[in-house]
PDB file of N, CA and C in Angstrom:
ATOM      1  N   MET A   1      -8.843   7.836  16.661  1.00  0.00           N
ATOM      2  CA  MET A   1      -8.546   6.935  16.662  1.00  0.00           C
ATOM      3  C   MET A   1      -7.171   6.494  16.938  1.00  0.00           C
ATOM      4  N   THR A   2      -6.715   5.272  17.567  1.00  0.00           N
ATOM      5  CA  THR A   2      -5.563   5.053  18.158  1.00  0.00           C
ATOM      6  C   THR A   2      -4.718   5.389  16.532  1.00  0.00           C
ATOM      7  N   ALA A   3      -3.376   5.412  17.195  1.00  0.00           N
ATOM      8  CA  ALA A   3      -2.444   5.482  15.936  1.00  0.00           C
ATOM      9  C   ALA A   3      -2.053   4.020  15.677  1.00  0.00           C
ATOM     10  N   ILE A   4      -1.546   4.048  14.686  1.00  0.00           N
ATOM     11  CA  ILE A   4      -1.059   2.868  13.858  1.00  0.00           C
ATOM     12  C   ILE A   4       0.145   2.174  13.795  1.00  0.00           C
ATOM     13  N   LYS A   5       1.280   1.780  14.193  1.00  0.00           N
ATOM     14  CA  LYS A   5       2.593   1.821  14.409  1.00  0.00           C
ATOM     15  C   LYS A   5       3.016   0.391  13.783  1.00  0.00           C
ATOM     16  N   THR A   6       2.332  -0.851  14.065  1.00  0.00           N
ATOM     17  CA  THR A   6       3.028  -2.517  14.075  1.00  0.00           C
ATOM     18  C   THR A   6       1.853  -2.860  13.623  1.00  0.00           C
ATOM     19  N   LYS A   7       1.928  -4.210  12.606  1.00  0.00           N
ATOM     20  CA  LYS A   7       1.186  -5.049  12.383  1.00  0.00           C
ATOM     21  C   LYS A   7      -0.079  -5.524  13.368  1.00  0.00           C
ATOM     22  N   ALA A   8       0.368  -5.540  14.598  1.00  0.00           N
ATOM     23  CA  ALA A   8      -0.320  -6.283  15.560  1.00  0.00           C
ATOM     24  C   ALA A   8      -1.410  -4.300  15.467  1.00  0.00           C
ATOM     25  N   ASP A   9      -1.350  -3.574  15.614  1.00  0.00           N
ATOM     26  CA  ASP A   9      -1.952  -2.423  15.722  1.00  0.00           C
ATOM     27  C   ASP A   9      -2.891  -2.396  14.561  1.00  0.00           C
ATOM     28  N   ALA A  10      -2.321  -2.881  13.658  1.00  0.00           N
ATOM     29  CA  ALA A  10      -3.320  -2.697  12.096  1.00  0.00           C
ATOM     30  C   ALA A  10      -4.408  -3.976  12.940  1.00  0.00           C
ATOM     31  N   GLU A  11      -3.967  -4.765  12.368  1.00  0.00           N
ATOM     32  CA  GLU A  11      -4.406  -5.536  12.659  1.00  0.00           C
ATOM     33  C   GLU A  11      -5.714  -5.706  14.127  1.00  0.00           C
ATOM     34  N   ALA A  12      -5.597  -4.664  15.061  1.00  0.00           N
ATOM     35  CA  ALA A  12      -6.253  -4.558  16.086  1.00  0.00           C
ATOM     36  C   ALA A  12      -7.069  -3.706  15.770  1.00  0.00           C
ATOM     37  N   LEU A  13      -7.172  -2.499  15.137  1.00  0.00           N
ATOM     38  CA  LEU A  13      -7.896  -1.606  14.384  1.00  0.00           C
ATOM     39  C   LEU A  13      -9.479  -2.219  13.586  1.00  0.00           C
ATOM     40  N   ILE A  14      -8.563  -3.460  12.540  1.00  0.00           N
ATOM     41  CA  ILE A  14      -9.063  -3.786  11.715  1.00  0.00           C
ATOM     42  C   ILE A  14     -10.477  -4.774  11.860  1.00  0.00           C
ATOM     43  N   ASN A  15      -9.582  -5.372  13.187  1.00  0.00           N
ATOM     44  CA  ASN A  15     -10.734  -6.403  13.884  1.00  0.00           C
ATOM     45  C   ASN A  15     -11.913  -5.742  14.812  1.00  0.00           C
ATOM     46  N   GLN A  16     -11.568  -4.630  15.207  1.00  0.00           N
ATOM     47  CA  GLN A  16     -12.277  -3.540  16.296  1.00  0.00           C
ATOM     48  C   GLN A  16     -13.162  -3.201  15.504  1.00  0.00           C
ATOM     49  N   GLU A  17     -12.908  -2.640  14.092  1.00  0.00           N
ATOM     50  CA  GLU A  17     -13.400  -1.607  13.251  1.00  0.00           C
ATOM     51  C   GLU A  17     -14.718  -2.122  12.216  1.00  0.00           C
ATOM     52  N   GLY A  18     -14.229  -3.666  12.122  1.00  0.00           N
ATOM     53  CA  GLY A  18     -14.852  -4.484  11.065  1.00  0.00           C
ATOM     54  C   GLY A  18     -14.416  -4.205   9.683  1.00  0.00           C
ATOM     55  N   VAL A  19     -13.326  -3.999   9.567  1.00  0.00           N
ATOM     56  CA  VAL A  19     -12.780  -3.515   8.631  1.00  0.00           C
ATOM     57  C   VAL A  19     -12.786  -4.504   7.127  1.00  0.00           C
ATOM     58  N   GLU A  20     -13.682  -3.978   6.153  1.00  0.00           N
ATOM     59  CA  GLU A  20     -13.581  -5.003   5.487  1.00  0.00           C
ATOM     60  C   GLU A  20     -12.114  -5.231   4.195  1.00  0.00           C
ATOM     61  N   TYR A  21     -12.038  -4.077   3.906  1.00  0.00           N
ATOM     62  CA  TYR A  21     -10.671  -4.033   2.591  1.00  0.00           C
ATOM     63  C   TYR A  21      -9.847  -3.024   2.942  1.00  0.00           C
ATOM     64  N   VAL A  22      -8.726  -2.898   1.978  1.00  0.00           N
ATOM     65  CA  VAL A  22      -7.522  -1.674   2.208  1.00  0.00           C
ATOM     66  C   VAL A  22      -7.393  -1.244   0.902  1.00  0.00           C
ATOM     67  N   SER A  23      -7.644   0.250   1.051  1.00  0.00           N
ATOM     68  CA  SER A  23      -7.094   0.751  -0.195  1.00  0.00           C
ATOM     69  C   SER A  23      -5.835   0.771  -0.153  1.00  0.00           C
ATOM     70  N   VAL A  24      -5.061  -0.263  -1.068  1.00  0.00           N
ATOM     71  CA  VAL A  24      -3.360   0.206  -1.105  1.00  0.00           C
ATOM     72  C   VAL A  24      -3.236   1.160  -2.657  1.00  0.00           C
ATOM     73  N   ARG A  25      -3.222   2.714  -1.307  1.00  0.00           N
ATOM     74  CA  ARG A  25      -2.622   3.842  -2.571  1.00  0.00           C
ATOM     75  C   ARG A  25      -1.262   3.997  -2.753  1.00  0.00           C
ATOM     76  N   PHE A  26      -0.237   4.586  -3.740  1.00  0.00           N
ATOM     77  CA  PHE A  26       0.468   5.320  -3.858  1.00  0.00           C
ATOM     78  C   PHE A  26       1.203   5.919  -5.320  1.00  0.00           C
ATOM     79  N   THR A  27       1.449   6.647  -5.110  1.00  0.00           N
ATOM     80  CA  THR A  27       1.306   7.658  -6.346  1.00  0.00           C
ATOM     81  C   THR A  27       2.003   7.875  -7.050  1.00  0.00           C
ATOM     82  N   ASP A  28       2.165   8.011  -8.744  1.00  0.00           N
ATOM     83  CA  ASP A  28       3.057   7.411  -9.717  1.00  0.00           C
ATOM     84  C   ASP A  28       4.080   8.879  -9.989  1.00  0.00           C
ATOM     85  N   LEU A  29       4.871   8.668 -11.061  1.00  0.00           N
ATOM     86  CA  LEU A  29       5.699   9.738 -11.110  1.00  0.00           C
ATOM     87  C   LEU A  29       5.408  11.008 -11.187  1.00  0.00           C
ATOM     88  N   ILE A  30       4.244  11.326 -12.121  1.00  0.00           N
ATOM     89  CA  ILE A  30       3.864  12.736 -12.222  1.00  0.00           C
ATOM     90  C   ILE A  30       2.797  12.820 -11.338  1.00  0.00           C
ATOM     91  N   GLY A  31       2.706  12.180  -9.909  1.00  0.00           N
ATOM     92  CA  GLY A  31       2.252  12.646  -9.241  1.00  0.00           C
ATOM     93  C   GLY A  31       0.521  12.391  -8.771  1.00  0.00           C
ATOM     94  N   VAL A  32       0.227  11.745  -9.699  1.00  0.00           N
ATOM     95  CA  VAL A  32      -1.547  11.168  -9.928  1.00  0.00           C
ATOM     96  C   VAL A  32      -1.733   9.400  -8.700  1.00  0.00           C
ATOM     97  N   GLN A  33      -1.876   9.663  -7.687  1.00  0.00           N
ATOM     98  CA  GLN A  33      -2.589   8.695  -6.992  1.00  0.00           C
ATOM     99  C   GLN A  33      -3.193   7.604  -7.644  1.00  0.00           C
ATOM    100  N   GLN A  34      -2.311   6.600  -7.110  1.00  0.00           N
ATOM    101  CA  GLN A  34      -2.924   5.288  -8.180  1.00  0.00           C
ATOM    102  C   GLN A  34      -3.420   4.119  -7.271  1.00  0.00           C
ATOM    103  N   HIS A  35      -4.592   3.095  -7.071  1.00  0.00           N
ATOM    104  CA  HIS A  35      -5.170   2.237  -5.902  1.00  0.00           C
ATOM    105  C   HIS A  35      -5.355   1.112  -6.178  1.00  0.00           C
ATOM    106  N   PHE A  36      -5.287   0.060  -5.821  1.00  0.00           N
ATOM    107  CA  PHE A  36      -6.243  -1.388  -6.253  1.00  0.00           C
ATOM    108  C   PHE A  36      -6.224  -1.525  -4.938  1.00  0.00           C
ATOM    109  N   THR A  37      -8.069  -2.185  -4.647  1.00  0.00           N
ATOM    110  CA  THR A  37      -8.244  -2.671  -3.429  1.00  0.00           C
ATOM    111  C   THR A  37      -8.410  -4.155  -3.120  1.00  0.00           C
ATOM    112  N   VAL A  38      -7.823  -4.638  -1.984  1.00  0.00           N
ATOM    113  CA  VAL A  38      -7.156  -5.813  -1.560  1.00  0.00           C
ATOM    114  C   VAL A  38      -8.245  -6.030   0.132  1.00  0.00           C
ATOM    115  N   PRO A  39      -8.562  -7.492   0.084  1.00  0.00           N
ATOM    116  CA  PRO A  39      -9.160  -7.921   1.369  1.00  0.00           C
ATOM    117  C   PRO A  39      -8.287  -7.586   2.852  1.00  0.00           C
ATOM    118  N   ALA A  40      -8.843  -7.437   3.602  1.00  0.00           N
ATOM    119  CA  ALA A  40      -8.095  -6.570   4.859  1.00  0.00           C
ATOM    120  C   ALA A  40      -7.440  -8.252   5.810  1.00  0.00           C
ATOM    121  N   SER A  41      -7.546  -9.092   4.850  1.00  0.00           N
ATOM    122  CA  SER A  41      -6.873 -10.691   5.404  1.00  0.00           C
ATOM    123  C   SER A  41      -6.066 -10.728   4.262  1.00  0.00           C
ATOM    124  N   GLU A  42      -5.534 -10.587   3.265  1.00  0.00           N
ATOM    125  CA  GLU A  42      -4.934 -10.632   2.375  1.00  0.00           C
ATOM    126  C   GLU A  42      -3.673  -9.247   2.635  1.00  0.00           C
ATOM    127  N   PHE A  43      -4.135  -7.989   3.161  1.00  0.00           N
ATOM    128  CA  PHE A  43      -2.879  -6.994   3.437  1.00  0.00           C
ATOM    129  C   PHE A  43      -2.648  -7.247   4.972  1.00  0.00           C
ATOM    130  N   LEU A  44      -2.755  -7.846   5.686  1.00  0.00           N
ATOM    131  CA  LEU A  44      -2.544  -8.481   6.950  1.00  0.00           C
ATOM    132  C   LEU A  44      -1.886  -9.673   6.629  1.00  0.00           C
ATOM    133  N   LYS A  45      -2.133 -10.925   5.906  1.00  0.00           N
ATOM    134  CA  LYS A  45      -1.030 -11.475   5.612  1.00  0.00           C
ATOM    135  C   LYS A  45       0.278 -11.276   5.083  1.00  0.00           C
ATOM    136  N   ASP A  46       0.394 -10.499   3.768  1.00  0.00           N
ATOM    137  CA  ASP A  46       1.209 -10.123   3.023  1.00  0.00           C
ATOM    138  C   ASP A  46       1.828  -8.533   3.210  1.00  0.00           C
ATOM    139  N   ALA A  47       1.893  -7.673   3.423  1.00  0.00           N
ATOM    140  CA  ALA A  47       1.725  -6.518   3.130  1.00  0.00           C
ATOM    141  C   ALA A  47       3.067  -6.159   4.400  1.00  0.00           C
ATOM    142  N   PHE A  48       3.002  -6.618   5.611  1.00  0.00           N
ATOM    143  CA  PHE A  48       4.184  -6.466   6.097  1.00  0.00           C
ATOM    144  C   PHE A  48       4.972  -7.240   6.420  1.00  0.00           C
ATOM    145  N   ASP A  49       4.931  -8.633   6.075  1.00  0.00           N
ATOM    146  CA  ASP A  49       6.037  -9.244   5.729  1.00  0.00           C
ATOM    147  C   ASP A  49       6.961  -9.154   4.513  1.00  0.00           C
ATOM    148  N   GLU A  50       6.329  -9.366   3.578  1.00  0.00           N
ATOM    149  CA  GLU A  50       6.864  -9.638   2.215  1.00  0.00           C
ATOM    150  C   GLU A  50       6.379  -8.436   1.060  1.00  0.00           C
ATOM    151  N   GLY A  51       5.501  -7.164   1.511  1.00  0.00           N
ATOM    152  CA  GLY A  51       5.349  -6.263   0.530  1.00  0.00           C
ATOM    153  C   GLY A  51       4.288  -6.800  -0.275  1.00  0.00           C
ATOM    154  N   MET A  52       3.256  -5.848  -1.117  1.00  0.00           N
ATOM    155  CA  MET A  52       2.687  -6.162  -1.618  1.00  0.00           C
ATOM    156  C   MET A  52       3.122  -6.212  -3.565  1.00  0.00           C
ATOM    157  N   PRO A  53       3.194  -7.143  -4.160  1.00  0.00           N
ATOM    158  CA  PRO A  53       3.973  -6.900  -5.397  1.00  0.00           C
ATOM    159  C   PRO A  53       3.092  -6.470  -6.496  1.00  0.00           C
ATOM    160  N   PHE A  54       3.463  -5.686  -7.306  1.00  0.00           N
ATOM    161  CA  PHE A  54       2.538  -5.077  -8.347  1.00  0.00           C
ATOM    162  C   PHE A  54       3.703  -4.883 -10.034  1.00  0.00           C
ATOM    163  N   ASP A  55       2.675  -4.332 -11.223  1.00  0.00           N
ATOM    164  CA  ASP A  55       3.180  -4.609 -12.508  1.00  0.00           C
ATOM    165  C   ASP A  55       3.724  -3.212 -12.241  1.00  0.00           C
ATOM    166  N   GLY A  56       4.770  -2.688 -12.350  1.00  0.00           N
ATOM    167  CA  GLY A  56       5.334  -1.795 -12.481  1.00  0.00           C
ATOM    168  C   GLY A  56       5.083  -1.006 -13.539  1.00  0.00           C
ATOM    169  N   SER A  57       5.407  -2.190 -15.379  1.00  0.00           N
ATOM    170  CA  SER A  57       4.938  -1.139 -16.110  1.00  0.00           C
ATOM    171  C   SER A  57       3.815  -0.445 -16.925  1.00  0.00           C
ATOM    172  N   SER A  58       2.479  -1.258 -15.634  1.00  0.00           N
ATOM    173  CA  SER A  58       1.443  -0.989 -16.218  1.00  0.00           C
ATOM    174  C   SER A  58       1.153   0.671 -15.477  1.00  0.00           C
ATOM    175  N   VAL A  59       1.916   1.583 -14.610  1.00  0.00           N
ATOM    176  CA  VAL A  59       1.759   2.800 -14.330  1.00  0.00           C
ATOM    177  C   VAL A  59       3.168   3.770 -14.968  1.00  0.00           C
ATOM    178  N   GLU A  60       2.283   4.565 -15.740  1.00  0.00           N
ATOM    179  CA  GLU A  60       2.819   5.405 -16.661  1.00  0.00           C
ATOM    180  C   GLU A  60       4.438   6.216 -16.176  1.00  0.00           C
ATOM    181  N   GLY A  61       5.562   6.009 -16.701  1.00  0.00           N
ATOM    182  CA  GLY A  61       6.395   6.273 -16.136  1.00  0.00           C
ATOM    183  C   GLY A  61       7.453   5.863 -15.320  1.00  0.00           C
ATOM    184  N   PHE A  62       7.276   4.543 -15.036  1.00  0.00           N
ATOM    185  CA  PHE A  62       8.111   3.743 -13.321  1.00  0.00           C
ATOM    186  C   PHE A  62       9.044   2.687 -14.620  1.00  0.00           C
ATOM    187  N   GLN A  63       8.998   1.722 -14.987  1.00  0.00           N
ATOM    188  CA  GLN A  63       9.317   0.688 -15.582  1.00  0.00           C
ATOM    189  C   GLN A  63       9.005  -0.315 -17.062  1.00  0.00           C
ATOM    190  N   ALA A  64       9.732  -0.332 -17.502  1.00  0.00           N
ATOM    191  CA  ALA A  64       9.711  -0.870 -19.202  1.00  0.00           C
ATOM    192  C   ALA A  64       9.067  -2.790 -18.832  1.00  0.00           C
ATOM    193  N   ILE A  65       8.484  -3.035 -19.375  1.00  0.00           N
ATOM    194  CA  ILE A  65       7.849  -4.363 -19.393  1.00  0.00           C
ATOM    195  C   ILE A  65       8.975  -5.640 -18.853  1.00  0.00           C
ATOM    196  N   ASN A  66      10.240  -5.323 -19.269  1.00  0.00           N
ATOM    197  CA  ASN A  66      11.328  -6.408 -18.867  1.00  0.00           C
ATOM    198  C   ASN A  66      11.780  -6.423 -17.549  1.00  0.00           C
ATOM    199  N   GLU A  67      11.626  -5.183 -17.060  1.00  0.00           N
ATOM    200  CA  GLU A  67      11.510  -4.705 -15.611  1.00  0.00           C
ATOM    201  C   GLU A  67      10.394  -4.802 -14.646  1.00  0.00           C
ATOM    202  N   SER A  68       9.693  -4.794 -14.851  1.00  0.00           N
ATOM    203  CA  SER A  68       8.552  -4.194 -14.333  1.00  0.00           C
ATOM    204  C   SER A  68       7.808  -4.748 -13.091  1.00  0.00           C
ATOM    205  N   ASP A  69       8.959  -5.779 -12.399  1.00  0.00           N
ATOM    206  CA  ASP A  69       8.215  -6.180 -10.842  1.00  0.00           C
ATOM    207  C   ASP A  69       8.852  -5.145  -9.913  1.00  0.00           C
ATOM    208  N   MET A  70       7.562  -4.753  -9.176  1.00  0.00           N
ATOM    209  CA  MET A  70       7.687  -3.781  -8.101  1.00  0.00           C
ATOM    210  C   MET A  70       7.024  -4.240  -6.795  1.00  0.00           C
ATOM    211  N   LYS A  71       7.334  -3.708  -5.817  1.00  0.00           N
ATOM    212  CA  LYS A  71       6.813  -4.313  -4.773  1.00  0.00           C
ATOM    213  C   LYS A  71       6.296  -2.932  -3.758  1.00  0.00           C
ATOM    214  N   LEU A  72       5.027  -2.821  -2.923  1.00  0.00           N
ATOM    215  CA  LEU A  72       4.748  -1.907  -2.378  1.00  0.00           C
ATOM    216  C   LEU A  72       4.738  -1.757  -0.549  1.00  0.00           C
ATOM    217  N   VAL A  73       5.702  -1.457   0.113  1.00  0.00           N
ATOM    218  CA  VAL A  73       5.402  -1.507   1.758  1.00  0.00           C
ATOM    219  C   VAL A  73       4.206  -0.450   2.352  1.00  0.00           C
ATOM    220  N   PRO A  74       3.564  -1.061   3.109  1.00  0.00           N
ATOM    221  CA  PRO A  74       2.701   0.101   3.577  1.00  0.00           C
ATOM    222  C   PRO A  74       3.742   1.031   5.017  1.00  0.00           C
ATOM    223  N   ASP A  75       3.128   2.360   4.706  1.00  0.00           N
ATOM    224  CA  ASP A  75       2.827   3.285   5.582  1.00  0.00           C
ATOM    225  C   ASP A  75       2.182   3.297   6.621  1.00  0.00           C
ATOM    226  N   VAL A  76       1.940   2.724   7.518  1.00  0.00           N
ATOM    227  CA  VAL A  76       0.744   2.168   8.403  1.00  0.00           C
ATOM    228  C   VAL A  76       0.133   3.723   9.219  1.00  0.00           C
ATOM    229  N   GLU A  77       1.260   4.504   9.323  1.00  0.00           N
ATOM    230  CA  GLU A  77       0.827   5.726  10.092  1.00  0.00           C
ATOM    231  C   GLU A  77      -0.109   6.570   9.508  1.00  0.00           C
ATOM    232  N   THR A  78      -0.199   6.192   8.458  1.00  0.00           N
ATOM    233  CA  THR A  78      -0.495   6.795   6.968  1.00  0.00           C
ATOM    234  C   THR A  78      -2.448   6.149   7.168  1.00  0.00           C
ATOM    235  N   ALA A  79      -2.611   5.126   7.803  1.00  0.00           N
ATOM    236  CA  ALA A  79      -4.029   4.915   7.336  1.00  0.00           C
ATOM    237  C   ALA A  79      -5.104   5.385   8.305  1.00  0.00           C
ATOM    238  N   TYR A  80      -6.424   5.368   7.579  1.00  0.00           N
ATOM    239  CA  TYR A  80      -7.604   5.891   8.353  1.00  0.00           C
ATOM    240  C   TYR A  80      -8.801   5.357   7.630  1.00  0.00           C
ATOM    241  N   ILE A  81      -9.627   4.930   8.105  1.00  0.00           N
ATOM    242  CA  ILE A  81     -10.800   4.698   7.499  1.00  0.00           C
ATOM    243  C   ILE A  81     -11.843   5.592   6.523  1.00  0.00           C
ATOM    244  N   ASP A  82     -11.995   4.807   5.745  1.00  0.00           N
ATOM    245  CA  ASP A  82     -12.745   5.850   4.182  1.00  0.00           C
ATOM    246  C   ASP A  82     -13.816   5.961   4.733  1.00  0.00           C
ATOM    247  N   PRO A  83     -14.412   7.247   4.763  1.00  0.00           N
ATOM    248  CA  PRO A  83     -15.734   7.645   5.910  1.00  0.00           C
ATOM    249  C   PRO A  83     -16.952   7.224   4.433  1.00  0.00           C
ATOM    250  N   PHE A  84     -16.392   7.159   3.571  1.00  0.00           N
ATOM    251  CA  PHE A  84     -17.542   7.578   2.735  1.00  0.00           C
ATOM    252  C   PHE A  84     -17.744   6.188   1.543  1.00  0.00           C
ATOM    253  N   ARG A  85     -16.911   4.662   2.077  1.00  0.00           N
ATOM    254  CA  ARG A  85     -16.760   3.599   1.254  1.00  0.00           C
ATOM    255  C   ARG A  85     -18.285   3.217   1.757  1.00  0.00           C
ATOM    256  N   LYS A  86     -19.055   2.028   0.905  1.00  0.00           N
ATOM    257  CA  LYS A  86     -19.855   1.425   1.472  1.00  0.00           C
ATOM    258  C   LYS A  86     -19.329   0.226   2.653  1.00  0.00           C
ATOM    259  N   HIS A  87     -18.423  -0.416   2.274  1.00  0.00           N
ATOM    260  CA  HIS A  87     -17.870  -1.386   2.853  1.00  0.00           C
ATOM    261  C   HIS A  87     -16.800  -0.673   3.587  1.00  0.00           C
ATOM    262  N   LYS A  88     -16.771  -1.100   5.203  1.00  0.00           N
ATOM    263  CA  LYS A  88     -15.373  -0.348   6.054  1.00  0.00           C
ATOM    264  C   LYS A  88     -14.527  -0.865   4.955  1.00  0.00           C
ATOM    265  N   THR A  89     -13.793   0.329   4.669  1.00  0.00           N
ATOM    266  CA  THR A  89     -12.599   0.086   4.088  1.00  0.00           C
ATOM    267  C   THR A  89     -10.740   1.081   4.448  1.00  0.00           C
ATOM    268  N   LEU A  90      -9.805   0.759   4.935  1.00  0.00           N
ATOM    269  CA  LEU A  90      -9.074   1.058   5.780  1.00  0.00           C
ATOM    270  C   LEU A  90      -8.077   1.584   4.158  1.00  0.00           C
ATOM    271  N   ASN A  91      -7.650   3.022   4.235  1.00  0.00           N
ATOM    272  CA  ASN A  91      -6.788   3.713   3.130  1.00  0.00           C
ATOM    273  C   ASN A  91      -5.483   3.719   3.892  1.00  0.00           C
ATOM    274  N   VAL A  92      -4.452   2.791   3.082  1.00  0.00           N
ATOM    275  CA  VAL A  92      -2.917   3.087   3.697  1.00  0.00           C
ATOM    276  C   VAL A  92      -2.242   3.555   2.621  1.00  0.00           C
ATOM    277  N   ALA A  93      -1.285   4.622   2.688  1.00  0.00           N
ATOM    278  CA  ALA A  93      -0.787   5.046   1.674  1.00  0.00           C
ATOM    279  C   ALA A  93       0.692   4.082   1.544  1.00  0.00           C
ATOM    280  N   PHE A  94       1.488   3.449   0.568  1.00  0.00           N
ATOM    281  CA  PHE A  94       2.325   2.799   0.176  1.00  0.00           C
ATOM    282  C   PHE A  94       3.708   3.236  -0.552  1.00  0.00           C
ATOM    283  N   SER A  95       4.875   3.345   0.085  1.00  0.00           N
ATOM    284  CA  SER A  95       5.395   3.095  -0.565  1.00  0.00           C
ATOM    285  C   SER A  95       6.622   2.180  -1.091  1.00  0.00           C
ATOM    286  N   ILE A  96       7.352   2.779  -2.753  1.00  0.00           N
ATOM    287  CA  ILE A  96       7.589   1.615  -3.596  1.00  0.00           C
ATOM    288  C   ILE A  96       9.025   0.873  -3.497  1.00  0.00           C
ATOM    289  N   VAL A  97       9.157   0.335  -3.451  1.00  0.00           N
ATOM    290  CA  VAL A  97      10.616  -0.327  -3.166  1.00  0.00           C
ATOM    291  C   VAL A  97      11.164  -1.524  -4.576  1.00  0.00           C
ATOM    292  N   ASP A  98      12.389  -1.529  -4.732  1.00  0.00           N
ATOM    293  CA  ASP A  98      12.944  -3.174  -5.449  1.00  0.00           C
ATOM    294  C   ASP A  98      12.566  -4.259  -5.012  1.00  0.00           C
ATOM    295  N   PRO A  99      11.854  -4.863  -5.663  1.00  0.00           N
ATOM    296  CA  PRO A  99      11.588  -5.993  -5.119  1.00  0.00           C
ATOM    297  C   PRO A  99      12.345  -7.133  -4.395  1.00  0.00           C
ATOM    298  N   LEU A 100      14.005  -6.844  -4.968  1.00  0.00           N
ATOM    299  CA  LEU A 100      15.032  -7.835  -5.049  1.00  0.00           C
ATOM    300  C   LEU A 100      15.867  -7.026  -3.890  1.00  0.00           C
ATOM    301  N   THR A 101      15.869  -5.453  -3.549  1.00  0.00           N
ATOM    302  CA  THR A 101      17.329  -5.098  -2.782  1.00  0.00           C
ATOM    303  C   THR A 101      16.172  -4.589  -1.343  1.00  0.00           C
ATOM    304  N   ASP A 102      15.133  -4.308  -1.617  1.00  0.00           N
ATOM    305  CA  ASP A 102      14.332  -3.388  -0.566  1.00  0.00           C
ATOM    306  C   ASP A 102      14.527  -2.247  -0.597  1.00  0.00           C
ATOM    307  N   GLU A 103      15.621  -1.848  -1.595  1.00  0.00           N
ATOM    308  CA  GLU A 103      16.114  -0.024  -1.989  1.00  0.00           C
ATOM    309  C   GLU A 103      14.728   0.586  -2.484  1.00  0.00           C
ATOM    310  N   PRO A 104      14.669   2.212  -1.648  1.00  0.00           N
ATOM    311  CA  PRO A 104      13.330   2.544  -1.984  1.00  0.00           C
ATOM    312  C   PRO A 104      13.412   3.388  -3.499  1.00  0.00           C
ATOM    313  N   TYR A 105      12.747   3.363  -4.313  1.00  0.00           N
ATOM    314  CA  TYR A 105      12.264   2.987  -5.939  1.00  0.00           C
ATOM    315  C   TYR A 105      12.701   5.012  -6.011  1.00  0.00           C
ATOM    316  N   SER A 106      13.692   4.766  -6.461  1.00  0.00           N
ATOM    317  CA  SER A 106      13.987   6.270  -7.038  1.00  0.00           C
ATOM    318  C   SER A 106      13.267   7.624  -8.038  1.00  0.00           C
ATOM    319  N   ARG A 107      11.984   6.698  -8.185  1.00  0.00           N
ATOM    320  CA  ARG A 107      10.521   7.091  -9.051  1.00  0.00           C
ATOM    321  C   ARG A 107       9.157   7.449  -8.237  1.00  0.00           C
ATOM    322  N   ASP A 108       9.752   6.901  -6.702  1.00  0.00           N
ATOM    323  CA  ASP A 108       8.612   7.193  -6.126  1.00  0.00           C
ATOM    324  C   ASP A 108       8.476   8.315  -5.732  1.00  0.00           C
ATOM    325  N   PRO A 109       7.753   9.278  -6.061  1.00  0.00           N
ATOM    326  CA  PRO A 109       7.497  10.873  -5.270  1.00  0.00           C
ATOM    327  C   PRO A 109       7.612  10.724  -4.138  1.00  0.00           C
ATOM    328  N   ARG A 110       7.173   9.749  -2.787  1.00  0.00           N
ATOM    329  CA  ARG A 110       7.328   9.626  -1.807  1.00  0.00           C
ATOM    330  C   ARG A 110       8.418   9.876  -1.026  1.00  0.00           C
ATOM    331  N   GLN A 111       9.560   9.507  -1.857  1.00  0.00           N
ATOM    332  CA  GLN A 111      11.270   9.505  -1.595  1.00  0.00           C
ATOM    333  C   GLN A 111      11.917  10.643  -1.550  1.00  0.00           C
ATOM    334  N   VAL A 112      11.485  11.747  -2.190  1.00  0.00           N
ATOM    335  CA  VAL A 112      11.770  13.043  -2.509  1.00  0.00           C
ATOM    336  C   VAL A 112      11.365  13.977  -1.118  1.00  0.00           C
TER     337      VAL A 112
END
């Protein structure tokens, strides 16, 4: 598989392989992998330019409800097509950043 380094690379792979979904993956404070799945078109539209917002209060050890807005940014070099999914799915690891400053989140295990 060709290495993915840019949005254009990801878009080319998604189109060439007929990828329908992207599994957005990140790790919580205690090392458990969390994920949610979005249509590939949403990933291409949002993930690279704006990041993927999520509620940090829903993840154990992250944020209180009053400061729960968080953002995920893709590390596209980790992308691979999941061979076990019924619908063609691209798995991508994401890093967590502060949505206001884009600074890496201190409780993101990928920052250690």
